[in-house]
Amino acid sequence: MGRPAKIRREEVLAAAREAFDTGGFEGTTLADISGRLGVSPAALLRHAPTKQALFTAAMGTTPGPEMLPLAFLADVPAQADPATVLRQVAHAFVPFIQAKLRENLGRWVHFRRIAGVGRLPLPFDPAARPTPPQRNLKLLEGYLRRARRAGLVSVRNPRAAAFAFAASLHSFVMLQEVMQVLEDPMPLEEYLDTLIDVWKRGAIAKTGKRR
């Protein structure tokens, strides 16, 4: 016995998102999507009347929880080693940026080629404040404020410092995967060795409490 034809909308959209990310709009058929679910293509039409409608629904806003890769920072104690914490931030944030970048580039390319779809939606609701990017930045800022009070970092403006560190991770991904400025891609660890060294020499206090 095969899988019953009745499937939830969330399942359909998740399968469609994966298929469109892989094959794009033109290269993906309803059969490609339905095959991932073990149902017939006709079963998809109960959730969207056309492939274009399914594409628009699937490639729009994504679920909220997966948009907060820095949620763990809320539980990081102020006494934690800043160099270790910042590496953890990078290891959580860079793969997240890479995945979202691939999704959004694919969406941009395909949305702009499809008449009637409209402007490219962000992978979150920009009207719902704070947005996921704002929440991630706030989590990093909050950690830096705690670490500054503990005398472990000496940044004048924790918000600007959080913005600068996050921007350096975004730049790592953009320069390598979009601009391709290096002939041989730089490993993340090699990049982090230098980035953390810059912070150690200029932002992370070596000894003692903040004056």
Protein backbone atom coordinates (compact mmCIF):
# COMPACT_ATOMS: atom_id res chain seq x y z
CA MET A 1 0.00 0.00 0.00
CA GLY A 2 1.31 3.44 -0.90
CA ARG A 3 1.01 6.60 1.08
CA PRO A 4 -2.53 8.02 1.20
CA ALA A 5 -3.20 11.03 -0.99
CA LYS A 6 -4.21 13.23 1.94
CA ILE A 7 -1.23 15.39 2.97
CA ARG A 8 -0.83 18.50 5.05
CA ARG A 9 -0.17 21.87 3.45
CA GLU A 10 3.05 22.25 5.45
CA GLU A 11 4.36 19.01 3.94
CA VAL A 12 3.51 20.16 0.44
CA LEU A 13 5.23 23.52 0.88
CA ALA A 14 8.34 21.95 2.42
CA ALA A 15 8.66 19.45 -0.45
CA ALA A 16 8.04 22.19 -3.02
CA ARG A 17 10.67 24.43 -1.42
CA GLU A 18 13.28 21.67 -1.58
CA ALA A 19 12.42 20.85 -5.19
CA PHE A 20 12.44 24.48 -6.35
CA ASP A 21 15.72 25.15 -4.52
CA THR A 22 17.24 22.25 -6.46
CA GLY A 23 15.72 22.64 -9.90
CA GLY A 24 14.42 26.19 -10.04
CA PHE A 25 10.98 27.08 -11.34
CA GLU A 26 11.48 25.97 -14.94
CA GLY A 27 13.32 22.78 -14.05
CA THR A 28 10.81 21.53 -11.48
CA THR A 29 7.57 19.75 -12.31
CA LEU A 30 4.60 18.93 -10.13
CA ALA A 31 5.63 15.30 -10.51
CA ASP A 32 9.04 16.13 -9.03
CA ILE A 33 7.36 17.59 -5.98
CA SER A 34 4.68 14.95 -5.59
CA GLY A 35 7.33 12.23 -5.91
CA ARG A 36 8.99 13.52 -2.75
CA LEU A 37 5.70 12.99 -0.91
CA GLY A 38 4.65 9.72 -2.48
CA VAL A 39 1.44 11.15 -3.89
CA SER A 40 0.09 12.00 -7.33
CA PRO A 41 0.60 15.47 -8.88
CA ALA A 42 -3.15 15.99 -8.69
CA ALA A 43 -2.95 15.81 -4.89
CA LEU A 44 -0.84 18.98 -4.92
CA LEU A 45 -3.54 20.94 -6.70
CA ARG A 46 -5.72 20.79 -3.60
CA HIS A 47 -3.18 23.13 -1.97
CA ALA A 48 -2.36 25.37 -4.96
CA PRO A 49 -4.19 25.65 -8.30
CA THR A 50 -1.02 25.99 -10.42
CA LYS A 51 2.72 25.41 -10.23
CA GLN A 52 3.23 29.18 -10.13
CA ALA A 53 0.88 29.53 -7.15
CA LEU A 54 2.69 26.68 -5.40
CA PHE A 55 6.05 28.32 -6.09
CA THR A 56 4.87 31.64 -4.67
CA ALA A 57 3.51 30.00 -1.52
CA ALA A 58 6.50 27.71 -0.97
CA MET A 59 9.23 30.25 -1.60
CA GLY A 60 7.77 32.99 0.56
CA THR A 61 8.05 33.30 4.32
CA THR A 62 9.79 30.42 6.09
CA PRO A 63 9.04 29.25 9.66
CA GLY A 64 10.29 31.47 12.47
CA PRO A 65 12.25 29.13 14.81
CA GLU A 66 14.86 28.24 12.19
CA MET A 67 15.58 31.95 11.71
CA LEU A 68 17.32 32.32 15.10
CA PRO A 69 20.68 30.53 14.90
CA LEU A 70 22.01 32.67 17.76
CA ALA A 71 19.27 31.76 20.23
CA PHE A 72 21.84 29.83 22.29
CA LEU A 73 23.49 33.13 23.27
CA ALA A 74 20.66 33.85 25.70
CA ASP A 75 22.06 31.10 27.97
CA VAL A 76 25.78 31.88 27.60
CA PRO A 77 27.15 33.12 30.95
CA ALA A 78 29.06 36.39 31.11
CA GLN A 79 32.16 34.56 32.36
CA ALA A 80 32.48 32.41 29.22
CA ASP A 81 35.63 32.84 27.15
CA PRO A 82 34.77 35.47 24.51
CA ALA A 83 37.01 33.89 21.87
CA THR A 84 35.20 30.57 22.28
CA VAL A 85 31.76 32.21 22.23
CA LEU A 86 32.53 34.21 19.09
CA ARG A 87 33.69 31.02 17.35
CA GLN A 88 30.42 29.36 18.36
CA VAL A 89 28.56 32.34 16.91
CA ALA A 90 30.43 31.93 13.63
CA HIS A 91 29.86 28.17 13.49
CA ALA A 92 26.12 28.71 13.99
CA PHE A 93 25.75 31.82 11.84
CA VAL A 94 27.86 31.09 8.74
CA PRO A 95 26.05 27.85 7.72
CA PHE A 96 22.76 29.64 8.35
CA ILE A 97 23.78 32.56 6.10
CA GLN A 98 25.01 30.15 3.42
CA ALA A 99 21.72 28.24 3.41
CA LYS A 100 19.57 31.38 3.34
CA LEU A 101 21.77 32.95 0.68
CA ARG A 102 21.30 29.96 -1.60
CA GLU A 103 17.56 30.03 -1.00
CA ASN A 104 17.21 33.75 -1.59
CA LEU A 105 19.42 33.87 -4.67
CA GLY A 106 17.37 31.05 -6.14
CA ARG A 107 14.17 32.87 -5.30
CA TRP A 108 15.42 36.14 -6.75
CA VAL A 109 16.48 34.54 -10.03
CA HIS A 110 13.22 32.68 -10.47
CA PHE A 111 10.83 35.30 -9.12
CA ARG A 112 12.14 37.98 -11.46
CA ARG A 113 11.60 35.68 -14.45
CA ILE A 114 7.99 34.82 -13.68
CA ALA A 115 5.39 37.32 -14.78
CA GLY A 116 2.75 38.14 -12.22
CA VAL A 117 4.56 36.80 -9.17
CA GLY A 118 5.49 40.23 -7.88
CA ARG A 119 8.41 41.36 -5.76
CA LEU A 120 10.69 38.88 -4.05
CA PRO A 121 9.47 38.22 -0.50
CA LEU A 122 11.89 38.18 2.39
CA PRO A 123 12.23 34.87 4.27
CA PHE A 124 10.41 36.53 7.20
CA ASP A 125 7.62 39.03 7.75
CA PRO A 126 9.31 42.47 7.73
CA ALA A 127 6.24 44.02 9.38
CA ALA A 128 6.56 41.79 12.45
CA ARG A 129 9.03 43.61 14.68
CA PRO A 130 11.56 42.72 15.86
CA THR A 131 12.49 40.79 12.72
CA PRO A 132 14.66 37.64 12.98
CA PRO A 133 17.80 39.57 11.90
CA GLN A 134 17.09 42.18 14.57
CA ARG A 135 16.59 39.46 17.19
CA ASN A 136 19.83 37.70 16.26
CA LEU A 137 21.74 40.98 16.48
CA LYS A 138 20.11 41.73 19.84
CA LEU A 139 21.18 38.33 21.17
CA LEU A 140 24.79 38.99 20.19
CA GLU A 141 24.64 42.52 21.62
CA GLY A 142 23.22 41.16 24.87
CA TYR A 143 26.07 38.68 25.23
CA LEU A 144 28.68 41.39 24.57
CA ARG A 145 27.08 43.64 27.19
CA ARG A 146 27.26 40.85 29.77
CA ALA A 147 30.87 40.09 28.85
CA ARG A 148 31.75 43.79 29.08
CA ARG A 149 30.25 44.01 32.57
CA ALA A 150 32.33 40.96 33.53
CA GLY A 151 35.47 42.70 32.29
CA LEU A 152 36.11 40.21 29.49
CA VAL A 153 35.57 42.54 26.54
CA SER A 154 36.30 46.24 26.25
CA VAL A 155 34.08 47.56 23.49
CA ARG A 156 32.68 51.07 23.71
CA ASN A 157 29.46 50.26 21.93
CA PRO A 158 28.22 46.65 22.26
CA ARG A 159 25.56 47.20 19.64
CA ALA A 160 28.09 48.45 17.08
CA ALA A 161 30.45 45.63 18.04
CA ALA A 162 27.72 43.04 17.51
CA PHE A 163 26.87 44.62 14.17
CA ALA A 164 30.55 44.60 13.15
CA PHE A 165 31.08 40.95 14.04
CA ALA A 166 27.88 39.84 12.31
CA ALA A 167 28.85 41.91 9.26
CA SER A 168 32.25 40.21 9.13
CA LEU A 169 30.52 36.81 8.94
CA HIS A 170 28.13 38.02 6.25
CA SER A 171 31.11 39.36 4.30
CA PHE A 172 32.91 36.02 4.55
CA VAL A 173 29.98 34.31 2.85
CA MET A 174 29.22 37.03 0.31
CA LEU A 175 32.80 37.58 -0.84
CA GLN A 176 33.39 33.87 -1.28
CA GLU A 177 30.09 32.56 -2.59
CA VAL A 178 28.74 35.55 -4.51
CA MET A 179 31.72 37.72 -5.44
CA GLN A 180 34.18 34.79 -5.54
CA VAL A 181 37.11 37.09 -4.81
CA LEU A 182 39.44 34.19 -3.94
CA GLU A 183 40.55 31.63 -6.50
CA ASP A 184 40.84 29.06 -3.72
CA PRO A 185 38.08 29.33 -1.09
CA MET A 186 39.32 30.15 2.40
CA PRO A 187 38.37 27.64 5.11
CA LEU A 188 36.16 29.11 7.80
CA GLU A 189 38.62 28.15 10.56
CA GLU A 190 41.44 30.00 8.84
CA TYR A 191 39.26 33.09 8.56
CA LEU A 192 38.17 32.82 12.19
CA ASP A 193 41.78 32.50 13.41
CA THR A 194 42.47 35.95 11.99
CA LEU A 195 39.12 37.47 12.92
CA ILE A 196 39.36 36.33 16.54
CA ASP A 197 42.98 37.47 16.68
CA VAL A 198 41.86 40.95 15.65
CA TRP A 199 39.31 40.92 18.46
CA LYS A 200 41.84 39.65 20.98
CA ARG A 201 44.29 42.40 20.15
CA GLY A 202 41.74 45.21 20.02
CA ALA A 203 38.48 44.24 21.72
CA ILE A 204 38.96 41.34 24.13
CA ALA A 205 40.63 42.46 27.34
CA LYS A 206 43.69 40.41 28.28
CA THR A 207 43.43 40.73 32.07
CA GLY A 208 41.50 42.51 34.76
CA LYS A 209 38.15 44.19 34.99
CA ARG A 210 36.92 46.91 32.66
CA ARG A 211 37.84 50.32 34.05
